[in-house]
Protein backbone atom coordinates (compact mmCIF):
# COMPACT_ATOMS: atom_id res chain seq x y z
CA MET A 1 130.86 78.63 22.56
CA ARG A 2 127.92 80.30 24.29
CA ALA A 3 126.90 78.95 27.69
CA GLU A 4 123.80 80.07 29.54
CA VAL A 5 123.02 79.98 33.21
CA THR A 6 119.55 80.36 34.67
CA GLN A 7 118.62 81.69 38.08
CA GLY A 8 114.99 81.93 39.10
CA GLY A 9 113.93 81.84 35.44
CA ARG A 10 116.36 84.62 34.51
CA LYS A 11 118.72 83.86 31.63
CA MET A 12 122.30 84.86 32.33
CA VAL A 13 125.39 84.87 30.15
CA GLY A 14 127.92 82.08 30.49
CA ARG A 15 131.68 82.01 30.41
CA GLY A 16 131.89 82.70 26.70
CA GLU A 17 130.24 86.09 27.33
CA PHE A 18 132.50 87.27 30.19
CA ARG A 19 134.32 90.05 28.35
CA GLY A 20 135.47 93.49 29.39
CA LEU A 21 136.24 92.45 32.96
CA PRO A 22 138.95 94.09 35.10
CA PRO A 23 142.46 92.69 34.47
CA GLY A 24 143.80 89.69 36.30
CA PRO A 25 146.37 86.89 36.05
CA ARG A 26 146.58 85.35 32.59
CA MET A 27 147.51 81.88 33.79
CA PRO A 28 145.04 79.06 33.01
CA SER A 29 142.09 78.52 35.31
CA ALA A 30 143.58 75.27 36.62
CA MET A 31 146.77 77.06 37.68
CA GLN A 32 144.77 79.81 39.38
CA ALA A 33 142.79 77.15 41.25
CA ILE A 34 146.04 75.61 42.49
CA GLY A 35 147.35 79.01 43.57
CA TRP A 36 144.11 79.71 45.41
CA SER A 37 144.05 76.32 47.11
CA MET A 38 147.71 76.24 48.17
CA ARG A 39 148.44 79.84 49.22
CA PRO A 40 145.25 81.90 48.88
CA LEU A 41 146.38 84.90 50.95
CA ALA A 42 149.71 85.27 49.16
CA PHE A 43 147.88 84.78 45.85
CA LEU A 44 145.49 87.65 46.66
CA GLU A 45 148.31 89.95 47.77
CA ARG A 46 150.30 89.31 44.62
CA CYS A 47 147.27 90.01 42.43
CA GLY A 48 146.53 93.19 44.38
CA ARG A 49 150.08 94.42 43.78
CA ASP A 50 149.99 93.51 40.10
CA PHE A 51 146.48 94.62 39.13
CA GLY A 52 145.32 97.22 41.66
CA HIS A 53 142.16 97.60 43.70
CA THR A 54 139.90 95.61 41.36
CA PHE A 55 140.93 92.47 39.50
CA THR A 56 139.52 89.27 38.04
CA LEU A 57 140.35 85.71 39.08
CA ARG A 58 139.32 82.62 37.13
CA VAL A 59 139.58 79.98 39.85
CA ARG A 60 136.36 78.33 38.70
CA HIS A 61 136.48 77.74 34.95
CA ASP A 62 132.78 78.58 34.48
CA ARG A 63 132.52 81.78 36.54
CA PRO A 64 135.05 84.60 37.05
CA TRP A 65 135.53 86.26 40.43
CA VAL A 66 135.78 90.04 40.33
CA VAL A 67 137.72 90.90 43.50
CA LEU A 68 136.74 94.25 45.03
CA THR A 69 138.67 96.41 47.48
CA GLU A 70 137.06 99.81 46.88
CA PRO A 71 134.55 100.60 49.69
CA GLU A 72 132.12 102.18 47.22
CA ASP A 73 132.05 98.99 45.17
CA VAL A 74 131.61 96.93 48.33
CA LYS A 75 128.69 99.13 49.36
CA ARG A 76 127.10 98.71 45.93
CA VAL A 77 127.24 94.91 46.25
CA PHE A 78 126.12 94.72 49.88
CA THR A 79 123.17 97.07 49.40
CA ALA A 80 121.98 95.62 46.09
CA ASP A 81 118.42 94.32 45.84
CA ALA A 82 117.81 90.61 46.20
CA ASP A 83 116.99 90.32 42.49
CA ALA A 84 120.46 91.66 41.62
CA VAL A 85 122.73 89.46 43.76
CA THR A 86 122.58 86.18 45.65
CA ALA A 87 124.86 84.37 48.08
CA SER A 88 127.66 82.23 46.73
CA ALA A 89 129.69 81.22 49.77
CA VAL A 90 130.46 77.77 48.38
CA GLU A 91 132.45 79.38 45.55
CA ALA A 92 135.37 80.26 47.83
CA SER A 93 134.80 77.55 50.48
CA PRO A 94 133.49 74.43 48.69
CA ALA A 95 133.39 72.44 51.94
CA LEU A 96 130.50 74.58 53.18
CA GLY A 97 127.95 72.99 50.85
CA PRO A 98 128.32 69.37 51.98
CA LEU A 99 128.97 70.42 55.59
CA LEU A 100 126.09 72.85 56.17
CA GLY A 101 123.54 71.50 53.73
CA PRO A 102 121.27 73.29 51.23
CA ARG A 103 118.76 74.45 53.87
CA SER A 104 121.36 76.31 55.94
CA VAL A 105 120.50 79.98 56.42
CA MET A 106 124.00 80.78 55.09
CA LEU A 107 123.27 79.18 51.73
CA LEU A 108 119.59 79.93 51.15
CA ASP A 109 118.56 82.35 48.41
CA GLU A 110 115.94 85.05 48.87
CA PRO A 111 113.23 85.22 50.00
CA GLU A 112 113.78 82.07 52.08
CA HIS A 113 117.04 83.43 53.49
CA MET A 114 115.44 86.54 54.99
CA THR A 115 112.53 84.57 56.42
CA HIS A 116 114.84 82.15 58.23
CA ARG A 117 117.25 84.91 59.20
CA LYS A 118 114.56 86.93 61.00
CA LEU A 119 113.50 83.90 62.99
CA MET A 120 117.09 83.08 64.02
CA LEU A 121 118.09 86.65 64.89
CA ARG A 122 115.98 86.58 68.04
CA SER A 123 118.46 84.13 69.58
CA PHE A 124 121.49 86.40 69.07
CA HIS A 125 120.35 89.92 69.89
CA GLY A 126 119.06 92.09 72.72
CA GLU A 127 118.76 90.73 76.23
CA ARG A 128 119.37 87.20 75.04
CA LEU A 129 122.79 88.17 73.69
CA ALA A 130 123.76 89.89 76.96
CA GLY A 131 122.87 86.72 78.84
CA TYR A 132 125.43 84.67 76.92
CA GLY A 133 128.33 86.59 78.50
CA ASP A 134 128.18 84.82 81.88
CA MET A 135 127.98 81.45 80.14
CA VAL A 136 131.11 82.21 78.09
CA VAL A 137 132.98 83.17 81.27
CA ALA A 138 131.91 79.95 83.00
CA VAL A 139 132.96 77.78 80.04
CA THR A 140 136.32 79.54 79.82
CA CYS A 141 137.03 79.19 83.55
CA ASP A 142 136.21 75.49 83.39
CA GLU A 143 138.48 74.96 80.39
CA ILE A 144 141.50 76.87 81.72
CA SER A 145 141.30 74.99 85.02
CA ARG A 146 142.65 72.01 83.05
CA TRP A 147 145.47 73.83 81.26
CA PRO A 148 149.03 72.79 82.15
CA MET A 149 150.98 75.53 83.91
CA ASN A 150 154.54 76.63 83.14
CA GLU A 151 154.93 74.59 79.98
CA GLN A 152 154.48 75.26 76.30
CA LEU A 153 150.96 74.83 74.98
CA ALA A 154 149.18 75.66 71.75
CA LEU A 155 146.25 77.97 72.40
CA TRP A 156 144.31 77.25 69.23
CA PRO A 157 143.09 73.75 70.29
CA ARG A 158 142.13 75.26 73.67
CA MET A 159 140.20 77.99 71.91
CA GLN A 160 138.47 75.32 69.83
CA ALA A 161 137.39 73.53 73.00
CA ILE A 162 136.01 76.75 74.52
CA SER A 163 134.23 77.86 71.36
CA SER A 164 132.73 74.44 70.72
CA GLU A 165 131.37 74.19 74.27
CA VAL A 166 129.96 77.72 74.08
CA LEU A 167 128.12 76.77 70.89
CA LEU A 168 126.79 73.52 72.36
CA ARG A 169 125.47 75.28 75.47
CA SER A 170 123.93 78.12 73.52
CA VAL A 171 122.13 75.71 71.19
CA PHE A 172 121.11 72.97 73.65
CA GLY A 173 121.44 74.47 77.13
CA ASP A 174 122.36 71.51 79.34
CA THR A 175 125.42 69.72 77.95
CA GLN A 176 126.31 67.56 80.96
CA THR A 177 124.83 64.38 79.53
CA GLU A 178 126.15 61.24 77.90
CA HIS A 179 124.47 62.25 74.64
CA MET A 180 126.25 65.60 74.63
CA ALA A 181 129.62 64.03 75.46
CA ARG A 182 129.29 61.78 72.42
CA LEU A 183 128.21 64.66 70.17
CA ARG A 184 131.12 66.78 71.45
CA GLU A 185 133.58 64.03 70.55
CA ARG A 186 132.08 63.48 67.10
CA LEU A 187 132.08 67.19 66.29
CA SER A 188 135.76 67.31 67.21
CA ARG A 189 136.48 64.35 64.94
CA LEU A 190 134.58 65.99 62.05
CA THR A 191 136.50 69.24 62.47
CA ALA A 192 139.84 67.43 62.53
CA TRP A 193 138.96 65.48 59.38
CA LEU A 194 137.94 68.62 57.50
CA ASN A 195 141.09 70.49 58.54
CA ASP A 196 143.45 68.01 56.88
CA SER A 197 145.53 70.11 54.47
CA ARG A 198 145.43 67.61 51.60
CA ARG A 199 141.66 67.29 51.77
CA LEU A 200 141.25 71.04 51.95
CA ALA A 201 143.37 71.52 48.84
CA LEU A 202 141.55 68.80 46.91
CA THR A 203 138.12 70.14 47.86
CA THR A 204 139.15 73.66 46.85
CA VAL A 205 140.40 72.56 43.44
CA VAL A 206 137.81 69.89 42.59
CA GLY A 207 134.78 71.41 44.32
CA PRO A 208 132.08 70.23 46.73
CA ARG A 209 130.97 67.23 44.68
CA TRP A 210 134.17 65.36 45.62
CA LEU A 211 133.53 65.93 49.31
CA SER A 212 129.85 65.00 49.13
CA HIS A 213 130.71 61.61 47.70
CA ASN A 214 133.77 60.91 49.82
CA ALA A 215 133.34 57.86 52.05
CA GLY A 216 135.64 59.27 54.72
CA PHE A 217 133.61 62.46 54.96
CA ARG A 218 130.34 60.56 55.21
CA ALA A 219 131.87 58.36 57.92
CA VAL A 220 132.56 61.38 60.16
CA MET A 221 129.55 63.49 59.07
CA ALA A 222 126.79 60.89 59.45
CA PRO A 223 127.30 60.26 63.21
CA VAL A 224 127.16 64.02 63.88
CA GLU A 225 123.92 64.32 61.92
CA ALA A 226 122.46 61.31 63.73
CA ASP A 227 123.41 62.63 67.17
CA VAL A 228 122.06 66.12 66.47
CA LEU A 229 118.68 64.79 65.33
CA ALA A 230 118.56 62.24 68.17
CA GLU A 231 119.08 65.11 70.63
CA VAL A 232 116.29 67.09 68.94
CA ARG A 233 113.91 64.12 69.27
CA ARG A 234 114.90 63.54 72.89
CA ARG A 235 114.22 67.16 73.81
CA ARG A 236 110.96 67.24 71.90
CA ALA A 237 109.84 64.26 74.00
CA THR A 238 110.95 65.87 77.29
CA PRO A 239 108.18 67.79 79.10
CA GLY A 240 109.00 71.48 79.41
CA ALA A 241 112.04 71.34 77.10
CA GLN A 242 110.27 73.45 74.48
CA ASP A 243 109.91 76.26 77.01
CA SER A 244 113.68 76.57 77.52
CA GLU A 245 115.71 79.60 76.48
CA ASN A 246 118.34 77.75 74.46
CA VAL A 247 118.64 78.44 70.73
CA LEU A 248 117.04 75.14 69.69
CA ALA A 249 113.89 75.78 71.74
CA MET A 250 113.69 79.42 70.68
CA LEU A 251 114.16 78.50 67.02
CA GLU A 252 111.46 75.84 67.12
CA ARG A 253 109.04 78.21 68.89
CA ALA A 254 109.72 80.97 66.38
CA HIS A 255 109.05 78.67 63.42
CA ALA A 256 105.93 77.25 65.08
CA TRP A 257 104.56 80.74 65.68
CA SER A 258 105.29 81.65 62.06
CA GLY A 259 103.27 78.69 60.86
CA SER A 260 106.27 76.90 59.33
CA PRO A 261 107.54 74.27 61.80
CA LEU A 262 111.01 72.98 61.00
CA SER A 263 111.36 69.53 59.48
CA GLU A 264 114.23 67.28 60.58
CA PRO A 265 116.23 67.95 57.39
CA GLN A 266 115.85 71.69 57.99
CA LEU A 267 116.86 71.33 61.63
CA ARG A 268 119.86 69.25 60.59
CA ASP A 269 121.16 72.03 58.35
CA GLU A 270 120.41 74.93 60.72
CA LEU A 271 121.93 73.19 63.77
CA ILE A 272 125.03 71.99 61.94
CA THR A 273 125.50 75.60 60.78
CA LEU A 274 125.30 76.81 64.38
CA LEU A 275 127.55 74.06 65.78
CA SER A 276 130.26 74.09 63.10
CA ASP A 277 133.12 75.87 64.83
CA GLY A 278 136.08 77.42 63.13
CA PRO A 279 135.85 81.20 62.76
CA THR A 280 135.50 82.08 66.46
CA SER A 281 138.25 79.77 67.67
CA THR A 282 140.67 80.91 64.97
CA SER A 283 139.90 84.58 65.74
CA LEU A 284 140.65 83.88 69.40
CA ALA A 285 143.91 82.18 68.48
CA TRP A 286 144.89 85.19 66.36
CA ALA A 287 144.01 87.60 69.16
CA PHE A 288 146.36 85.84 71.56
CA GLU A 289 149.01 85.37 68.86
CA ARG A 290 149.05 89.13 68.23
CA LEU A 291 148.95 90.06 71.93
CA LEU A 292 151.82 87.68 72.69
CA ARG A 293 153.95 89.52 70.11
CA HIS A 294 153.04 92.90 71.59
CA PRO A 295 153.57 92.72 75.36
CA ASP A 296 152.68 96.38 75.85
CA LYS A 297 149.24 95.78 74.36
CA LEU A 298 148.83 92.52 76.28
CA ALA A 299 149.64 94.42 79.48
CA ARG A 300 147.16 97.15 78.62
CA VAL A 301 144.20 94.86 78.06
CA GLN A 302 145.06 92.82 81.16
CA ARG A 303 145.32 95.97 83.26
CA GLU A 304 141.91 97.06 81.95
CA VAL A 305 140.44 93.72 83.06
CA LEU A 306 142.08 93.63 86.48
CA THR A 307 141.24 97.20 87.45
CA GLY A 308 137.57 96.78 86.51
CA GLN A 309 137.62 99.54 83.93
CA ASP A 310 135.29 99.54 80.97
CA ASP A 311 136.20 97.14 78.19
CA ALA A 312 136.96 99.67 75.46
CA TYR A 313 140.48 98.38 74.86
CA ALA A 314 139.39 94.74 74.84
CA GLU A 315 136.78 95.63 72.21
CA ALA A 316 139.44 97.45 70.20
CA VAL A 317 141.66 94.34 70.37
CA VAL A 318 138.79 92.25 68.99
CA LYS A 319 138.15 94.67 66.12
CA GLU A 320 141.84 94.99 65.25
CA THR A 321 142.26 91.20 65.29
CA LEU A 322 139.31 90.81 62.92
CA ARG A 323 140.78 93.54 60.70
CA LEU A 324 144.20 91.93 60.39
CA CYS A 325 142.91 88.35 60.41
CA PRO A 326 139.38 88.34 58.92
CA VAL A 327 137.49 85.09 59.11
CA VAL A 328 137.31 84.71 55.33
CA PRO A 329 139.42 86.51 52.71
CA LEU A 330 136.61 86.82 50.15
CA ILE A 331 132.86 87.34 50.47
CA MET A 332 131.10 85.95 47.44
CA ARG A 333 127.98 87.32 45.74
CA LYS A 334 126.77 85.96 42.42
CA LEU A 335 125.40 88.68 40.15
CA LEU A 336 121.90 88.09 38.81
CA ALA A 337 122.00 91.31 36.80
CA PRO A 338 124.83 93.44 35.37
CA MET A 339 126.47 95.85 37.83
CA GLN A 340 128.96 98.71 37.53
CA LEU A 341 132.00 97.78 39.62
CA GLY A 342 135.60 98.96 39.35
CA GLY A 343 134.81 101.10 36.34
CA CYS A 344 133.50 98.10 34.37
CA THR A 345 130.11 96.63 33.65
CA ILE A 346 130.26 93.20 35.27
CA PRO A 347 127.78 90.86 33.56
CA ALA A 348 125.23 88.66 35.24
CA GLY A 349 126.64 85.26 36.10
CA ALA A 350 129.97 86.59 37.35
CA THR A 351 130.83 86.59 41.04
CA ALA A 352 131.46 89.89 42.81
CA ALA A 353 133.92 89.25 45.63
CA PRO A 354 134.49 91.98 48.24
CA CYS A 355 137.86 91.16 49.79
CA PRO A 356 138.19 91.85 53.54
CA TYR A 357 141.78 90.61 53.52
CA LEU A 358 142.97 93.28 51.07
CA ILE A 359 140.58 96.08 52.08
CA HIS A 360 141.76 95.77 55.67
CA ARG A 361 145.36 96.20 54.50
CA ARG A 362 144.90 99.39 52.49
CA GLU A 363 147.31 102.05 53.75
CA ASP A 364 145.03 104.87 52.61
CA ILE A 365 142.28 103.53 54.90
CA TYR A 366 144.38 102.08 57.75
CA PRO A 367 147.77 103.83 58.14
CA ASN A 368 150.48 101.35 59.13
CA ALA A 369 147.98 98.74 58.02
CA ARG A 370 150.09 95.64 58.61
CA ALA A 371 150.79 96.54 62.24
CA PHE A 372 148.63 95.40 65.16
CA VAL A 373 147.29 98.70 66.49
CA PRO A 374 144.07 98.29 68.55
CA GLU A 375 144.29 102.00 69.40
CA ARG A 376 142.99 102.82 65.91
CA PHE A 377 139.54 101.66 67.07
CA LEU A 378 139.46 103.61 70.35
CA GLY A 379 136.88 106.36 70.17
CA ALA A 380 136.36 105.84 66.45
CA PRO A 381 133.88 103.59 64.66
CA ALA A 382 135.09 101.13 62.09
CA PRO A 383 135.05 102.70 58.60
CA ALA A 384 131.85 101.99 56.69
CA TYR A 385 132.31 99.22 54.10
CA ALA A 386 136.05 99.09 54.90
CA TRP A 387 135.79 96.87 58.02
CA ILE A 388 133.85 93.85 56.82
CA PRO A 389 135.01 90.70 58.66
CA PHE A 390 131.37 89.55 58.89
CA GLY A 391 130.24 90.68 55.45
CA GLY A 392 127.52 93.28 55.14
CA GLY A 393 124.01 94.09 54.06
CA VAL A 394 121.13 91.70 54.61
CA ARG A 395 123.50 88.73 54.50
CA ARG A 396 125.86 89.98 57.20
CA CYS A 397 126.70 87.12 59.57
CA LEU A 398 123.71 86.93 61.91
CA ALA A 399 125.91 85.77 64.82
CA ALA A 400 128.47 88.60 64.40
CA SER A 401 127.62 90.23 67.73
CA PHE A 402 127.66 86.84 69.48
CA ALA A 403 131.08 86.04 68.00
CA GLN A 404 132.55 89.39 69.09
CA LEU A 405 131.10 88.97 72.59
CA THR A 406 132.58 85.47 72.84
CA ILE A 407 136.04 86.60 71.71
CA LYS A 408 136.07 89.53 74.15
CA ARG A 409 134.83 87.52 77.13
CA VAL A 410 137.32 84.71 76.56
CA ILE A 411 140.25 87.14 76.35
CA GLN A 412 139.10 88.93 79.50
CA THR A 413 138.57 85.73 81.45
CA VAL A 414 141.91 84.20 80.49
CA LEU A 415 143.79 87.38 81.42
CA SER A 416 141.93 87.74 84.71
CA GLU A 417 142.97 84.24 85.79
CA LEU A 418 146.33 83.72 84.12
CA ASP A 419 149.53 85.45 83.14
CA VAL A 420 150.37 84.59 79.54
CA ARG A 421 153.76 84.86 77.88
CA PRO A 422 155.08 83.80 74.46
CA ALA A 423 156.66 80.43 73.79
CA GLY A 424 158.32 78.74 70.85
CA ALA A 425 158.11 80.76 67.64
CA SER A 426 156.34 83.54 69.53
CA ARG A 427 159.35 84.22 71.79
CA SER A 428 160.27 87.14 69.58
CA ALA A 429 157.64 89.21 71.37
CA GLY A 430 157.29 92.78 70.22
CA THR A 431 157.68 91.95 66.55
CA THR A 432 154.90 92.68 64.11
CA ARG A 433 155.74 89.69 61.95
CA SER A 434 153.18 86.91 62.19
CA SER A 435 153.92 83.20 62.40
CA GLY A 436 152.05 82.85 59.12
CA ALA A 437 148.56 81.55 58.38
CA THR A 438 147.47 77.94 57.87
CA ARG A 439 144.19 77.11 56.20
CA SER A 440 141.47 75.35 58.17
CA SER A 441 138.11 74.17 56.88
CA VAL A 442 136.39 77.58 57.03
CA ALA A 443 139.07 80.02 58.17
CA PHE A 444 142.81 80.58 58.66
CA LEU A 445 144.73 79.94 61.87
CA PRO A 446 148.18 80.96 63.14
CA GLY A 447 150.92 78.78 61.77
CA ASP A 448 152.29 78.06 65.25
CA GLN A 449 148.76 77.67 66.70
CA ALA A 450 149.52 80.55 69.13
CA LEU A 451 152.13 78.94 71.35
CA ALA A 452 152.20 80.26 74.90
CA ILE A 453 153.22 79.54 78.49
CA VAL A 454 150.62 80.30 81.14
CA THR A 455 150.81 80.61 84.93
CA ARG A 456 148.18 81.16 87.62
CA ARG A 457 147.91 84.74 88.77
CA THR A 458 148.91 85.06 92.43
CA GLY A 459 150.04 88.69 92.46
CA HIS A 460 152.19 91.20 90.64
CA ASP A 461 155.03 93.52 91.58
CA ASP A 462 153.53 96.46 89.72
CA PRO A 463 151.25 98.36 92.15
CA GLN A 464 148.86 99.06 89.27
CA TRP A 465 148.01 95.35 89.17
CA PRO A 466 145.83 94.18 92.05
CA GLY A 467 147.21 90.77 92.98
CA THR A 468 144.04 89.26 94.36
CA GLY A 469 144.29 86.05 92.40
CA THR A 470 140.55 86.20 91.75
CA ALA A 471 138.72 87.14 88.59
CA PRO A 472 137.30 90.67 88.71
CA ARG A 473 133.78 91.47 87.61
CA LEU A 474 133.90 92.00 83.86
CA ALA A 475 132.29 95.07 82.38
CA ALA A 476 128.86 94.44 80.91
């Protein structure tokens, strides 16, 4: 049976026409969907072993995914013209559609995507980006002042609290209000609801329609939407608020200057996109999980912080963490025209899926690829189209630099104030074996949530460690 798909007036072949694709598992689509929903990382690794660097998955019955791990193929997809590919993030993460909304910059097609992207980029680059560093340090210091000392604690929820507060302050500026306290609580409740493993599996298998119509989801989503828009209205009515340097004010000014002021539905989607935490907090949890298992590397980055050196090693730790534990395992691009990939002509309508998870584990690109080796990024740039935790091309994550800055500053601040040692499952420090990954709504987190024991720094026997007990000035 022939099925046709249209995109912008272009007729594209349907599933009956998807022939000549790279090999892949022969199991029915429903079984592949279950494999993807239950153990996606193991599923990808098994397919990579069985079928090589390019293979086809049929997780969605109406559109195959052609998984790519060759940098040249990745480059071809990321640099393709807008009339050849479009975003398809909801394919791999169905929760994103109902959560972010159709007007989110992440989900817009061209040319609307590029228009909105250019207006948002001003908030995350240049001098404005540098100014966020001090705010991240302040938020982190405030959060760790409440951590229990000398007892086991999971770092991932603490990283969530830091990341969420950083996002709130960057978007709204002042967060010390009753309105912000309520929004903070409701965002936390929404995140917890989305991270339920059963709901995640069901959404992955059934698709976004189930989530959109779920009463439980609407019950936790609607209050967040209401609070976000109420805060927008309150600030619009406050004299001088539009002249602030927070992201909301800058975004509204940029759209006003462009002649396209944002409507409330547009603001809802853009602000929910900015406030929806997950990737940064899970990357932070992975960074500490890896450092806890490698005390020599933990000592090296802490020594760098305490002696006021440059932050080259901290930056290498961030890059290596994002290599081993990328935010998403697949980056989805729907083909609007046929494209040569993996030695095959992939027809329009199929999804090209560059795979950070597998590319980052290729031994021919990263020797000893499964080991945590930040040193590989010292004095050497990340390989082009082979280090892609934030995607690439015109749809590369617009907050990538902000995310990396946040991760680095949090690590530096924690290690300047505290000594951190492994606890629980992480007591086998020095091993390269991870505690395993657990799926969250938009990313993957350590299975043990990065268990640690922390103590206040009051000094150190090693003369290389200045025991001042005060946080040093962090490198700019």
